[in-house]
Amino acid sequence: AADMAAAADLLEGLPGKVLLTTGSKELDAFARPGLRERCCPRVLPMAD
């Protein structure tokens, strides 16, 4: 995928749960209704 938005577009056509290892700053593109419920973001153990 060329960028995060393109990756999210790809995920729309793929089934099941998703492990996101892109970092907390890159999560906006995946926070779409219907997609975010399937996503498991792995982020640093920090409050922010």
ModelCIF file with pLDDT and N, C-alpha, C, O atoms, coordinates in Angstrom:
data_MODEL
#
_entry.id   MODEL 
#
_entity.id                         1 
_entity.type                       polymer 
_entity.pdbx_number_of_molecules   1 
#
_entity_poly.entity_id                      1 
_entity_poly.type                           'polypeptide(L)' 
_entity_poly.nstd_linkage                   no 
_entity_poly.nstd_monomer                   no 
_entity_poly.pdbx_seq_one_letter_code       AADMAAAADLLEGLPGKVLLTTGSKELDAFARPGLRERCCPRVLPMAD 
_entity_poly.pdbx_seq_one_letter_code_can   AADMAAAADLLEGLPGKVLLTTGSKELDAFARPGLRERCCPRVLPMAD 
_entity_poly.pdbx_strand_id                 A 
#
loop_
_entity_poly_seq.entity_id 
_entity_poly_seq.num 
_entity_poly_seq.mon_id 
_entity_poly_seq.hetero 
1 1  ALA n 
1 2  ALA n 
1 3  ASP n 
1 4  MET n 
1 5  ALA n 
1 6  ALA n 
1 7  ALA n 
1 8  ALA n 
1 9  ASP n 
1 10 LEU n 
1 11 LEU n 
1 12 GLU n 
1 13 GLY n 
1 14 LEU n 
1 15 PRO n 
1 16 GLY n 
1 17 LYS n 
1 18 VAL n 
1 19 LEU n 
1 20 LEU n 
1 21 THR n 
1 22 THR n 
1 23 GLY n 
1 24 SER n 
1 25 LYS n 
1 26 GLU n 
1 27 LEU n 
1 28 ASP n 
1 29 ALA n 
1 30 PHE n 
1 31 ALA n 
1 32 ARG n 
1 33 PRO n 
1 34 GLY n 
1 35 LEU n 
1 36 ARG n 
1 37 GLU n 
1 38 ARG n 
1 39 CYS n 
1 40 CYS n 
1 41 PRO n 
1 42 ARG n 
1 43 VAL n 
1 44 LEU n 
1 45 PRO n 
1 46 MET n 
1 47 ALA n 
1 48 ASP n 
#
_struct_asym.id          A 
_struct_asym.entity_id   1 
#
loop_
_ma_qa_metric.id 
_ma_qa_metric.mode 
_ma_qa_metric.name 
_ma_qa_metric.software_group_id 
_ma_qa_metric.type 
1 global pLDDT . pLDDT 
2 local  pLDDT . pLDDT 
#
_ma_qa_metric_global.metric_id      1 
_ma_qa_metric_global.metric_value   95.08 
_ma_qa_metric_global.model_id       1 
_ma_qa_metric_global.ordinal_id     1 
#
loop_
_ma_qa_metric_local.label_asym_id 
_ma_qa_metric_local.label_comp_id 
_ma_qa_metric_local.label_seq_id 
_ma_qa_metric_local.metric_id 
_ma_qa_metric_local.metric_value 
_ma_qa_metric_local.model_id 
_ma_qa_metric_local.ordinal_id 
A ALA 1  2 93.00 1 1  
A ALA 2  2 91.00 1 2  
A ASP 3  2 93.00 1 3  
A MET 4  2 95.00 1 4  
A ALA 5  2 96.00 1 5  
A ALA 6  2 96.00 1 6  
A ALA 7  2 96.00 1 7  
A ALA 8  2 97.00 1 8  
A ASP 9  2 96.00 1 9  
A LEU 10 2 95.00 1 10 
A LEU 11 2 96.00 1 11 
A GLU 12 2 94.00 1 12 
A GLY 13 2 92.00 1 13 
A LEU 14 2 94.00 1 14 
A PRO 15 2 94.00 1 15 
A GLY 16 2 96.00 1 16 
A LYS 17 2 97.00 1 17 
A VAL 18 2 98.00 1 18 
A LEU 19 2 98.00 1 19 
A LEU 20 2 98.00 1 20 
A THR 21 2 96.00 1 21 
A THR 22 2 93.00 1 22 
A GLY 23 2 90.00 1 23 
A SER 24 2 92.00 1 24 
A LYS 25 2 90.00 1 25 
A GLU 26 2 91.00 1 26 
A LEU 27 2 96.00 1 27 
A ASP 28 2 96.00 1 28 
A ALA 29 2 96.00 1 29 
A PHE 30 2 98.00 1 30 
A ALA 31 2 97.00 1 31 
A ARG 32 2 95.00 1 32 
A PRO 33 2 95.00 1 33 
A GLY 34 2 94.00 1 34 
A LEU 35 2 97.00 1 35 
A ARG 36 2 96.00 1 36 
A GLU 37 2 97.00 1 37 
A ARG 38 2 97.00 1 38 
A CYS 39 2 98.00 1 39 
A CYS 40 2 98.00 1 40 
A PRO 41 2 98.00 1 41 
A ARG 42 2 98.00 1 42 
A VAL 43 2 96.00 1 43 
A LEU 44 2 92.00 1 44 
A PRO 45 2 94.00 1 45 
A MET 46 2 92.00 1 46 
A ALA 47 2 94.00 1 47 
A ASP 48 2 93.00 1 48 
#
loop_
_atom_site.group_PDB 
_atom_site.id 
_atom_site.type_symbol 
_atom_site.label_atom_id 
_atom_site.label_alt_id 
_atom_site.label_comp_id 
_atom_site.label_asym_id 
_atom_site.label_entity_id 
_atom_site.label_seq_id 
_atom_site.pdbx_PDB_ins_code 
_atom_site.Cartn_x 
_atom_site.Cartn_y 
_atom_site.Cartn_z 
_atom_site.occupancy 
_atom_site.B_iso_or_equiv 
_atom_site.pdbx_formal_charge 
_atom_site.auth_seq_id 
_atom_site.auth_comp_id 
_atom_site.auth_asym_id 
_atom_site.auth_atom_id 
_atom_site.pdbx_PDB_model_num 
ATOM 1   N N  . ALA A 1 1  ? 0.851   -1.186  0.000  1.00 93.00 ? 1  ALA A N  1 
ATOM 2   C CA . ALA A 1 1  ? 0.000   0.000   0.000  1.00 93.00 ? 1  ALA A CA 1 
ATOM 3   C C  . ALA A 1 1  ? 0.888   1.238   0.000  1.00 93.00 ? 1  ALA A C  1 
ATOM 4   O O  . ALA A 1 1  ? 1.927   1.265   0.660  1.00 93.00 ? 1  ALA A O  1 
ATOM 5   N N  . ALA A 1 2  ? 0.476   2.256   -0.741 1.00 91.00 ? 2  ALA A N  1 
ATOM 6   C CA . ALA A 1 2  ? 1.285   3.465   -0.851 1.00 91.00 ? 2  ALA A CA 1 
ATOM 7   C C  . ALA A 1 2  ? 1.282   4.273   0.440  1.00 91.00 ? 2  ALA A C  1 
ATOM 8   O O  . ALA A 1 2  ? 2.257   4.961   0.743  1.00 91.00 ? 2  ALA A O  1 
ATOM 9   N N  . ASP A 1 3  ? 0.195   4.196   1.201  1.00 93.00 ? 3  ASP A N  1 
ATOM 10  C CA . ASP A 1 3  ? 0.101   4.935   2.451  1.00 93.00 ? 3  ASP A CA 1 
ATOM 11  C C  . ASP A 1 3  ? -0.920  4.256   3.354  1.00 93.00 ? 3  ASP A C  1 
ATOM 12  O O  . ASP A 1 3  ? -1.464  3.208   3.005  1.00 93.00 ? 3  ASP A O  1 
ATOM 13  N N  . MET A 1 4  ? -1.181  4.854   4.518  1.00 95.00 ? 4  MET A N  1 
ATOM 14  C CA . MET A 1 4  ? -2.077  4.239   5.494  1.00 95.00 ? 4  MET A CA 1 
ATOM 15  C C  . MET A 1 4  ? -3.506  4.156   4.976  1.00 95.00 ? 4  MET A C  1 
ATOM 16  O O  . MET A 1 4  ? -4.192  3.162   5.211  1.00 95.00 ? 4  MET A O  1 
ATOM 17  N N  . ALA A 1 5  ? -3.959  5.184   4.279  1.00 96.00 ? 5  ALA A N  1 
ATOM 18  C CA . ALA A 1 5  ? -5.316  5.178   3.742  1.00 96.00 ? 5  ALA A CA 1 
ATOM 19  C C  . ALA A 1 5  ? -5.496  4.051   2.734  1.00 96.00 ? 5  ALA A C  1 
ATOM 20  O O  . ALA A 1 5  ? -6.531  3.383   2.715  1.00 96.00 ? 5  ALA A O  1 
ATOM 21  N N  . ALA A 1 6  ? -4.481  3.842   1.895  1.00 96.00 ? 6  ALA A N  1 
ATOM 22  C CA . ALA A 1 6  ? -4.549  2.750   0.914  1.00 96.00 ? 6  ALA A CA 1 
ATOM 23  C C  . ALA A 1 6  ? -4.543  1.396   1.610  1.00 96.00 ? 6  ALA A C  1 
ATOM 24  O O  . ALA A 1 6  ? -5.203  0.461   1.157  1.00 96.00 ? 6  ALA A O  1 
ATOM 25  N N  . ALA A 1 7  ? -3.793  1.284   2.722  1.00 96.00 ? 7  ALA A N  1 
ATOM 26  C CA . ALA A 1 7  ? -3.790  0.040   3.494  1.00 96.00 ? 7  ALA A CA 1 
ATOM 27  C C  . ALA A 1 7  ? -5.166  -0.224  4.082  1.00 96.00 ? 7  ALA A C  1 
ATOM 28  O O  . ALA A 1 7  ? -5.638  -1.360  4.072  1.00 96.00 ? 7  ALA A O  1 
ATOM 29  N N  . ALA A 1 8  ? -5.816  0.822   4.598  1.00 97.00 ? 8  ALA A N  1 
ATOM 30  C CA . ALA A 1 8  ? -7.164  0.674   5.148  1.00 97.00 ? 8  ALA A CA 1 
ATOM 31  C C  . ALA A 1 8  ? -8.145  0.253   4.066  1.00 97.00 ? 8  ALA A C  1 
ATOM 32  O O  . ALA A 1 8  ? -9.050  -0.542  4.319  1.00 97.00 ? 8  ALA A O  1 
ATOM 33  N N  . ASP A 1 9  ? -7.970  0.784   2.865  1.00 96.00 ? 9  ASP A N  1 
ATOM 34  C CA . ASP A 1 9  ? -8.834  0.384   1.745  1.00 96.00 ? 9  ASP A CA 1 
ATOM 35  C C  . ASP A 1 9  ? -8.681  -1.106  1.454  1.00 96.00 ? 9  ASP A C  1 
ATOM 36  O O  . ASP A 1 9  ? -9.662  -1.801  1.194  1.00 96.00 ? 9  ASP A O  1 
ATOM 37  N N  . LEU A 1 10 ? -7.434  -1.588  1.501  1.00 95.00 ? 10 LEU A N  1 
ATOM 38  C CA . LEU A 1 10 ? -7.197  -3.014  1.274  1.00 95.00 ? 10 LEU A CA 1 
ATOM 39  C C  . LEU A 1 10 ? -7.888  -3.863  2.345  1.00 95.00 ? 10 LEU A C  1 
ATOM 40  O O  . LEU A 1 10 ? -8.449  -4.917  2.048  1.00 95.00 ? 10 LEU A O  1 
ATOM 41  N N  . LEU A 1 11 ? -7.840  -3.398  3.568  1.00 96.00 ? 11 LEU A N  1 
ATOM 42  C CA . LEU A 1 11 ? -8.430  -4.155  4.666  1.00 96.00 ? 11 LEU A CA 1 
ATOM 43  C C  . LEU A 1 11 ? -9.943  -4.278  4.540  1.00 96.00 ? 11 LEU A C  1 
ATOM 44  O O  . LEU A 1 11 ? -10.538 -5.237  5.032  1.00 96.00 ? 11 LEU A O  1 
ATOM 45  N N  . GLU A 1 12 ? -10.555 -3.316  3.887  1.00 94.00 ? 12 GLU A N  1 
ATOM 46  C CA . GLU A 1 12 ? -12.006 -3.373  3.686  1.00 94.00 ? 12 GLU A CA 1 
ATOM 47  C C  . GLU A 1 12 ? -12.398 -4.621  2.905  1.00 94.00 ? 12 GLU A C  1 
ATOM 48  O O  . GLU A 1 12 ? -13.502 -5.142  3.062  1.00 94.00 ? 12 GLU A O  1 
ATOM 49  N N  . GLY A 1 13 ? -11.478 -5.098  2.057  1.00 92.00 ? 13 GLY A N  1 
ATOM 50  C CA . GLY A 1 13 ? -11.778 -6.270  1.246  1.00 92.00 ? 13 GLY A CA 1 
ATOM 51  C C  . GLY A 1 13 ? -11.207 -7.566  1.787  1.00 92.00 ? 13 GLY A C  1 
ATOM 52  O O  . GLY A 1 13 ? -11.302 -8.608  1.138  1.00 92.00 ? 13 GLY A O  1 
ATOM 53  N N  . LEU A 1 14 ? -10.609 -7.510  2.980  1.00 94.00 ? 14 LEU A N  1 
ATOM 54  C CA . LEU A 1 14 ? -10.025 -8.699  3.592  1.00 94.00 ? 14 LEU A CA 1 
ATOM 55  C C  . LEU A 1 14 ? -10.819 -9.065  4.846  1.00 94.00 ? 14 LEU A C  1 
ATOM 56  O O  . LEU A 1 14 ? -11.230 -8.181  5.597  1.00 94.00 ? 14 LEU A O  1 
ATOM 57  N N  . PRO A 1 15 ? -11.036 -10.350 5.074  1.00 94.00 ? 15 PRO A N  1 
ATOM 58  C CA . PRO A 1 15 ? -11.872 -10.760 6.206  1.00 94.00 ? 15 PRO A CA 1 
ATOM 59  C C  . PRO A 1 15 ? -11.101 -10.836 7.522  1.00 94.00 ? 15 PRO A C  1 
ATOM 60  O O  . PRO A 1 15 ? -9.871  -10.896 7.528  1.00 94.00 ? 15 PRO A O  1 
ATOM 61  N N  . GLY A 1 16 ? -11.829 -10.832 8.625  1.00 96.00 ? 16 GLY A N  1 
ATOM 62  C CA . GLY A 1 16 ? -11.270 -11.154 9.925  1.00 96.00 ? 16 GLY A CA 1 
ATOM 63  C C  . GLY A 1 16 ? -10.536 -10.026 10.610 1.00 96.00 ? 16 GLY A C  1 
ATOM 64  O O  . GLY A 1 16 ? -10.539 -8.881  10.157 1.00 96.00 ? 16 GLY A O  1 
ATOM 65  N N  . LYS A 1 17 ? -9.899  -10.384 11.728 1.00 97.00 ? 17 LYS A N  1 
ATOM 66  C CA . LYS A 1 17 ? -9.237  -9.400  12.562 1.00 97.00 ? 17 LYS A CA 1 
ATOM 67  C C  . LYS A 1 17 ? -7.874  -9.002  11.993 1.00 97.00 ? 17 LYS A C  1 
ATOM 68  O O  . LYS A 1 17 ? -7.256  -9.733  11.219 1.00 97.00 ? 17 LYS A O  1 
ATOM 69  N N  . VAL A 1 18 ? -7.433  -7.811  12.411 1.00 98.00 ? 18 VAL A N  1 
ATOM 70  C CA . VAL A 1 18 ? -6.227  -7.197  11.859 1.00 98.00 ? 18 VAL A CA 1 
ATOM 71  C C  . VAL A 1 18 ? -5.302  -6.789  13.000 1.00 98.00 ? 18 VAL A C  1 
ATOM 72  O O  . VAL A 1 18 ? -5.746  -6.177  13.971 1.00 98.00 ? 18 VAL A O  1 
ATOM 73  N N  . LEU A 1 19 ? -4.015  -7.127  12.886 1.00 98.00 ? 19 LEU A N  1 
ATOM 74  C CA . LEU A 1 19 ? -3.013  -6.632  13.819 1.00 98.00 ? 19 LEU A CA 1 
ATOM 75  C C  . LEU A 1 19 ? -2.315  -5.442  13.178 1.00 98.00 ? 19 LEU A C  1 
ATOM 76  O O  . LEU A 1 19 ? -1.654  -5.579  12.148 1.00 98.00 ? 19 LEU A O  1 
ATOM 77  N N  . LEU A 1 20 ? -2.467  -4.267  13.800 1.00 98.00 ? 20 LEU A N  1 
ATOM 78  C CA . LEU A 1 20 ? -1.833  -3.048  13.300 1.00 98.00 ? 20 LEU A CA 1 
ATOM 79  C C  . LEU A 1 20 ? -0.532  -2.818  14.058 1.00 98.00 ? 20 LEU A C  1 
ATOM 80  O O  . LEU A 1 20 ? -0.545  -2.633  15.275 1.00 98.00 ? 20 LEU A O  1 
ATOM 81  N N  . THR A 1 21 ? 0.593   -2.828  13.343 1.00 96.00 ? 21 THR A N  1 
ATOM 82  C CA . THR A 1 21 ? 1.895   -2.599  13.975 1.00 96.00 ? 21 THR A CA 1 
ATOM 83  C C  . THR A 1 21 ? 2.549   -1.345  13.409 1.00 96.00 ? 21 THR A C  1 
ATOM 84  O O  . THR A 1 21 ? 3.772   -1.267  13.295 1.00 96.00 ? 21 THR A O  1 
ATOM 85  N N  . THR A 1 22 ? 1.724   -0.368  13.058 1.00 93.00 ? 22 THR A N  1 
ATOM 86  C CA . THR A 1 22 ? 2.198   0.851   12.402 1.00 93.00 ? 22 THR A CA 1 
ATOM 87  C C  . THR A 1 22 ? 2.477   1.977   13.376 1.00 93.00 ? 22 THR A C  1 
ATOM 88  O O  . THR A 1 22 ? 3.030   3.002   12.977 1.00 93.00 ? 22 THR A O  1 
ATOM 89  N N  . GLY A 1 23 ? 2.109   1.820   14.661 1.00 90.00 ? 23 GLY A N  1 
ATOM 90  C CA . GLY A 1 23 ? 2.336   2.867   15.650 1.00 90.00 ? 23 GLY A CA 1 
ATOM 91  C C  . GLY A 1 23 ? 1.097   3.696   15.912 1.00 90.00 ? 23 GLY A C  1 
ATOM 92  O O  . GLY A 1 23 ? 0.207   3.781   15.066 1.00 90.00 ? 23 GLY A O  1 
ATOM 93  N N  . SER A 1 24 ? 1.039   4.303   17.077 1.00 92.00 ? 24 SER A N  1 
ATOM 94  C CA . SER A 1 24 ? -0.162  5.037   17.490 1.00 92.00 ? 24 SER A CA 1 
ATOM 95  C C  . SER A 1 24 ? -0.424  6.282   16.650 1.00 92.00 ? 24 SER A C  1 
ATOM 96  O O  . SER A 1 24 ? -1.569  6.716   16.531 1.00 92.00 ? 24 SER A O  1 
ATOM 97  N N  . LYS A 1 25 ? 0.623   6.861   16.066 1.00 90.00 ? 25 LYS A N  1 
ATOM 98  C CA . LYS A 1 25 ? 0.433   8.075   15.270 1.00 90.00 ? 25 LYS A CA 1 
ATOM 99  C C  . LYS A 1 25 ? -0.222  7.798   13.925 1.00 90.00 ? 25 LYS A C  1 
ATOM 100 O O  . LYS A 1 25 ? -0.674  8.729   13.259 1.00 90.00 ? 25 LYS A O  1 
ATOM 101 N N  . GLU A 1 26 ? -0.280  6.547   13.518 1.00 91.00 ? 26 GLU A N  1 
ATOM 102 C CA . GLU A 1 26 ? -0.763  6.191   12.187 1.00 91.00 ? 26 GLU A CA 1 
ATOM 103 C C  . GLU A 1 26 ? -2.127  5.509   12.212 1.00 91.00 ? 26 GLU A C  1 
ATOM 104 O O  . GLU A 1 26 ? -2.480  4.813   11.260 1.00 91.00 ? 26 GLU A O  1 
ATOM 105 N N  . LEU A 1 27 ? -2.895  5.693   13.274 1.00 96.00 ? 27 LEU A N  1 
ATOM 106 C CA . LEU A 1 27 ? -4.134  4.934   13.436 1.00 96.00 ? 27 LEU A CA 1 
ATOM 107 C C  . LEU A 1 27 ? -5.369  5.586   12.821 1.00 96.00 ? 27 LEU A C  1 
ATOM 108 O O  . LEU A 1 27 ? -6.382  4.915   12.626 1.00 96.00 ? 27 LEU A O  1 
ATOM 109 N N  . ASP A 1 28 ? -5.305  6.867   12.516 1.00 96.00 ? 28 ASP A N  1 
ATOM 110 C CA . ASP A 1 28 ? -6.501  7.574   12.035 1.00 96.00 ? 28 ASP A CA 1 
ATOM 111 C C  . ASP A 1 28 ? -7.152  6.901   10.836 1.00 96.00 ? 28 ASP A C  1 
ATOM 112 O O  . ASP A 1 28 ? -8.375  6.776   10.767 1.00 96.00 ? 28 ASP A O  1 
ATOM 113 N N  . ALA A 1 29 ? -6.322  6.470   9.892  1.00 96.00 ? 29 ALA A N  1 
ATOM 114 C CA . ALA A 1 29 ? -6.859  5.895   8.656  1.00 96.00 ? 29 ALA A CA 1 
ATOM 115 C C  . ALA A 1 29 ? -7.643  4.615   8.910  1.00 96.00 ? 29 ALA A C  1 
ATOM 116 O O  . ALA A 1 29 ? -8.503  4.247   8.109  1.00 96.00 ? 29 ALA A O  1 
ATOM 117 N N  . PHE A 1 30 ? -7.353  3.926   10.027 1.00 98.00 ? 30 PHE A N  1 
ATOM 118 C CA . PHE A 1 30 ? -7.997  2.647   10.305 1.00 98.00 ? 30 PHE A CA 1 
ATOM 119 C C  . PHE A 1 30 ? -9.205  2.781   11.241 1.00 98.00 ? 30 PHE A C  1 
ATOM 120 O O  . PHE A 1 30 ? -9.875  1.795   11.549 1.00 98.00 ? 30 PHE A O  1 
ATOM 121 N N  . ALA A 1 31 ? -9.471  4.009   11.686 1.00 97.00 ? 31 ALA A N  1 
ATOM 122 C CA . ALA A 1 31 ? -10.560 4.232   12.644 1.00 97.00 ? 31 ALA A CA 1 
ATOM 123 C C  . ALA A 1 31 ? -11.896 4.447   11.934 1.00 97.00 ? 31 ALA A C  1 
ATOM 124 O O  . ALA A 1 31 ? -12.671 5.329   12.303 1.00 97.00 ? 31 ALA A O  1 
ATOM 125 N N  . ARG A 1 32 ? -12.150 3.641   10.926 1.00 95.00 ? 32 ARG A N  1 
ATOM 126 C CA . ARG A 1 32 ? -13.409 3.735   10.184 1.00 95.00 ? 32 ARG A CA 1 
ATOM 127 C C  . ARG A 1 32 ? -14.445 2.822   10.834 1.00 95.00 ? 32 ARG A C  1 
ATOM 128 O O  . ARG A 1 32 ? -14.113 1.718   11.266 1.00 95.00 ? 32 ARG A O  1 
ATOM 129 N N  . PRO A 1 33 ? -15.688 3.270   10.906 1.00 95.00 ? 33 PRO A N  1 
ATOM 130 C CA . PRO A 1 33 ? -16.737 2.375   11.431 1.00 95.00 ? 33 PRO A CA 1 
ATOM 131 C C  . PRO A 1 33 ? -16.768 1.078   10.639 1.00 95.00 ? 33 PRO A C  1 
ATOM 132 O O  . PRO A 1 33 ? -16.744 1.090   9.408  1.00 95.00 ? 33 PRO A O  1 
ATOM 133 N N  . GLY A 1 34 ? -16.822 -0.025  11.343 1.00 94.00 ? 34 GLY A N  1 
ATOM 134 C CA . GLY A 1 34 ? -16.831 -1.327  10.700 1.00 94.00 ? 34 GLY A CA 1 
ATOM 135 C C  . GLY A 1 34 ? -15.453 -1.921  10.548 1.00 94.00 ? 34 GLY A C  1 
ATOM 136 O O  . GLY A 1 34 ? -15.304 -3.143  10.531 1.00 94.00 ? 34 GLY A O  1 
ATOM 137 N N  . LEU A 1 35 ? -14.431 -1.070  10.435 1.00 97.00 ? 35 LEU A N  1 
ATOM 138 C CA . LEU A 1 35 ? -13.058 -1.555  10.326 1.00 97.00 ? 35 LEU A CA 1 
ATOM 139 C C  . LEU A 1 35 ? -12.362 -1.526  11.682 1.00 97.00 ? 35 LEU A C  1 
ATOM 140 O O  . LEU A 1 35 ? -11.684 -2.484  12.053 1.00 97.00 ? 35 LEU A O  1 
ATOM 141 N N  . ARG A 1 36 ? -12.525 -0.439  12.420 1.00 96.00 ? 36 ARG A N  1 
ATOM 142 C CA . ARG A 1 36 ? -11.803 -0.322  13.692 1.00 96.00 ? 36 ARG A CA 1 
ATOM 143 C C  . ARG A 1 36 ? -12.187 -1.413  14.680 1.00 96.00 ? 36 ARG A C  1 
ATOM 144 O O  . ARG A 1 36 ? -11.382 -1.801  15.526 1.00 96.00 ? 36 ARG A O  1 
ATOM 145 N N  . GLU A 1 37 ? -13.418 -1.910  14.574 1.00 97.00 ? 37 GLU A N  1 
ATOM 146 C CA . GLU A 1 37 ? -13.852 -2.976  15.479 1.00 97.00 ? 37 GLU A CA 1 
ATOM 147 C C  . GLU A 1 37 ? -13.087 -4.277  15.227 1.00 97.00 ? 37 GLU A C  1 
ATOM 148 O O  . GLU A 1 37 ? -13.011 -5.141  16.101 1.00 97.00 ? 37 GLU A O  1 
ATOM 149 N N  . ARG A 1 38 ? -12.521 -4.408  14.019 1.00 97.00 ? 38 ARG A N  1 
ATOM 150 C CA . ARG A 1 38 ? -11.765 -5.618  13.673 1.00 97.00 ? 38 ARG A CA 1 
ATOM 151 C C  . ARG A 1 38 ? -10.277 -5.464  13.949 1.00 97.00 ? 38 ARG A C  1 
ATOM 152 O O  . ARG A 1 38 ? -9.534  -6.444  13.895 1.00 97.00 ? 38 ARG A O  1 
ATOM 153 N N  . CYS A 1 39 ? -9.830  -4.240  14.245 1.00 98.00 ? 39 CYS A N  1 
ATOM 154 C CA . CYS A 1 39 ? -8.400  -3.951  14.339 1.00 98.00 ? 39 CYS A CA 1 
ATOM 155 C C  . CYS A 1 39 ? -7.871  -4.069  15.763 1.00 98.00 ? 39 CYS A C  1 
ATOM 156 O O  . CYS A 1 39 ? -8.525  -3.665  16.725 1.00 98.00 ? 39 CYS A O  1 
ATOM 157 N N  . CYS A 1 40 ? -6.675  -4.630  15.871 1.00 98.00 ? 40 CYS A N  1 
ATOM 158 C CA . CYS A 1 40 ? -5.965  -4.739  17.144 1.00 98.00 ? 40 CYS A CA 1 
ATOM 159 C C  . CYS A 1 40 ? -4.688  -3.902  17.024 1.00 98.00 ? 40 CYS A C  1 
ATOM 160 O O  . CYS A 1 40 ? -3.678  -4.396  16.522 1.00 98.00 ? 40 CYS A O  1 
ATOM 161 N N  . PRO A 1 41 ? -4.716  -2.654  17.472 1.00 98.00 ? 41 PRO A N  1 
ATOM 162 C CA . PRO A 1 41 ? -3.505  -1.835  17.392 1.00 98.00 ? 41 PRO A CA 1 
ATOM 163 C C  . PRO A 1 41 ? -2.505  -2.214  18.471 1.00 98.00 ? 41 PRO A C  1 
ATOM 164 O O  . PRO A 1 41 ? -2.856  -2.295  19.649 1.00 98.00 ? 41 PRO A O  1 
ATOM 165 N N  . ARG A 1 42 ? -1.243  -2.450  18.065 1.00 98.00 ? 42 ARG A N  1 
ATOM 166 C CA . ARG A 1 42 ? -0.168  -2.712  19.032 1.00 98.00 ? 42 ARG A CA 1 
ATOM 167 C C  . ARG A 1 42 ? 0.666   -1.450  19.153 1.00 98.00 ? 42 ARG A C  1 
ATOM 168 O O  . ARG A 1 42 ? 1.307   -1.021  18.193 1.00 98.00 ? 42 ARG A O  1 
ATOM 169 N N  . VAL A 1 43 ? 0.652   -0.857  20.349 1.00 96.00 ? 43 VAL A N  1 
ATOM 170 C CA . VAL A 1 43 ? 1.289   0.436   20.559 1.00 96.00 ? 43 VAL A CA 1 
ATOM 171 C C  . VAL A 1 43 ? 2.186   0.367   21.789 1.00 96.00 ? 43 VAL A C  1 
ATOM 172 O O  . VAL A 1 43 ? 2.152   -0.608  22.540 1.00 96.00 ? 43 VAL A O  1 
ATOM 173 N N  . LEU A 1 44 ? 2.988   1.410   21.986 1.00 92.00 ? 44 LEU A N  1 
ATOM 174 C CA . LEU A 1 44 ? 3.871   1.462   23.147 1.00 92.00 ? 44 LEU A CA 1 
ATOM 175 C C  . LEU A 1 44 ? 3.059   1.553   24.436 1.00 92.00 ? 44 LEU A C  1 
ATOM 176 O O  . LEU A 1 44 ? 1.958   2.104   24.433 1.00 92.00 ? 44 LEU A O  1 
ATOM 177 N N  . PRO A 1 45 ? 3.588   1.021   25.535 1.00 94.00 ? 45 PRO A N  1 
ATOM 178 C CA . PRO A 1 45 ? 2.879   1.059   26.811 1.00 94.00 ? 45 PRO A CA 1 
ATOM 179 C C  . PRO A 1 45 ? 3.005   2.426   27.488 1.00 94.00 ? 45 PRO A C  1 
ATOM 180 O O  . PRO A 1 45 ? 3.619   2.568   28.545 1.00 94.00 ? 45 PRO A O  1 
ATOM 181 N N  . MET A 1 46 ? 2.404   3.417   26.843 1.00 92.00 ? 46 MET A N  1 
ATOM 182 C CA . MET A 1 46 ? 2.432   4.786   27.342 1.00 92.00 ? 46 MET A CA 1 
ATOM 183 C C  . MET A 1 46 ? 1.011   5.329   27.369 1.00 92.00 ? 46 MET A C  1 
ATOM 184 O O  . MET A 1 46 ? 0.178   4.952   26.545 1.00 92.00 ? 46 MET A O  1 
ATOM 185 N N  . ALA A 1 47 ? 0.738   6.223   28.326 1.00 94.00 ? 47 ALA A N  1 
ATOM 186 C CA . ALA A 1 47 ? -0.622  6.739   28.503 1.00 94.00 ? 47 ALA A CA 1 
ATOM 187 C C  . ALA A 1 47 ? -1.155  7.408   27.250 1.00 94.00 ? 47 ALA A C  1 
ATOM 188 O O  . ALA A 1 47 ? -2.316  7.215   26.890 1.00 94.00 ? 47 ALA A O  1 
ATOM 189 N N  . ASP A 1 48 ? -0.306  8.206   26.570 1.00 93.00 ? 48 ASP A N  1 
ATOM 190 C CA . ASP A 1 48 ? -0.814  8.917   25.397 1.00 93.00 ? 48 ASP A CA 1 
ATOM 191 C C  . ASP A 1 48 ? -1.139  7.963   24.247 1.00 93.00 ? 48 ASP A C  1 
ATOM 192 O O  . ASP A 1 48 ? -1.578  8.403   23.185 1.00 93.00 ? 48 ASP A O  1 
#
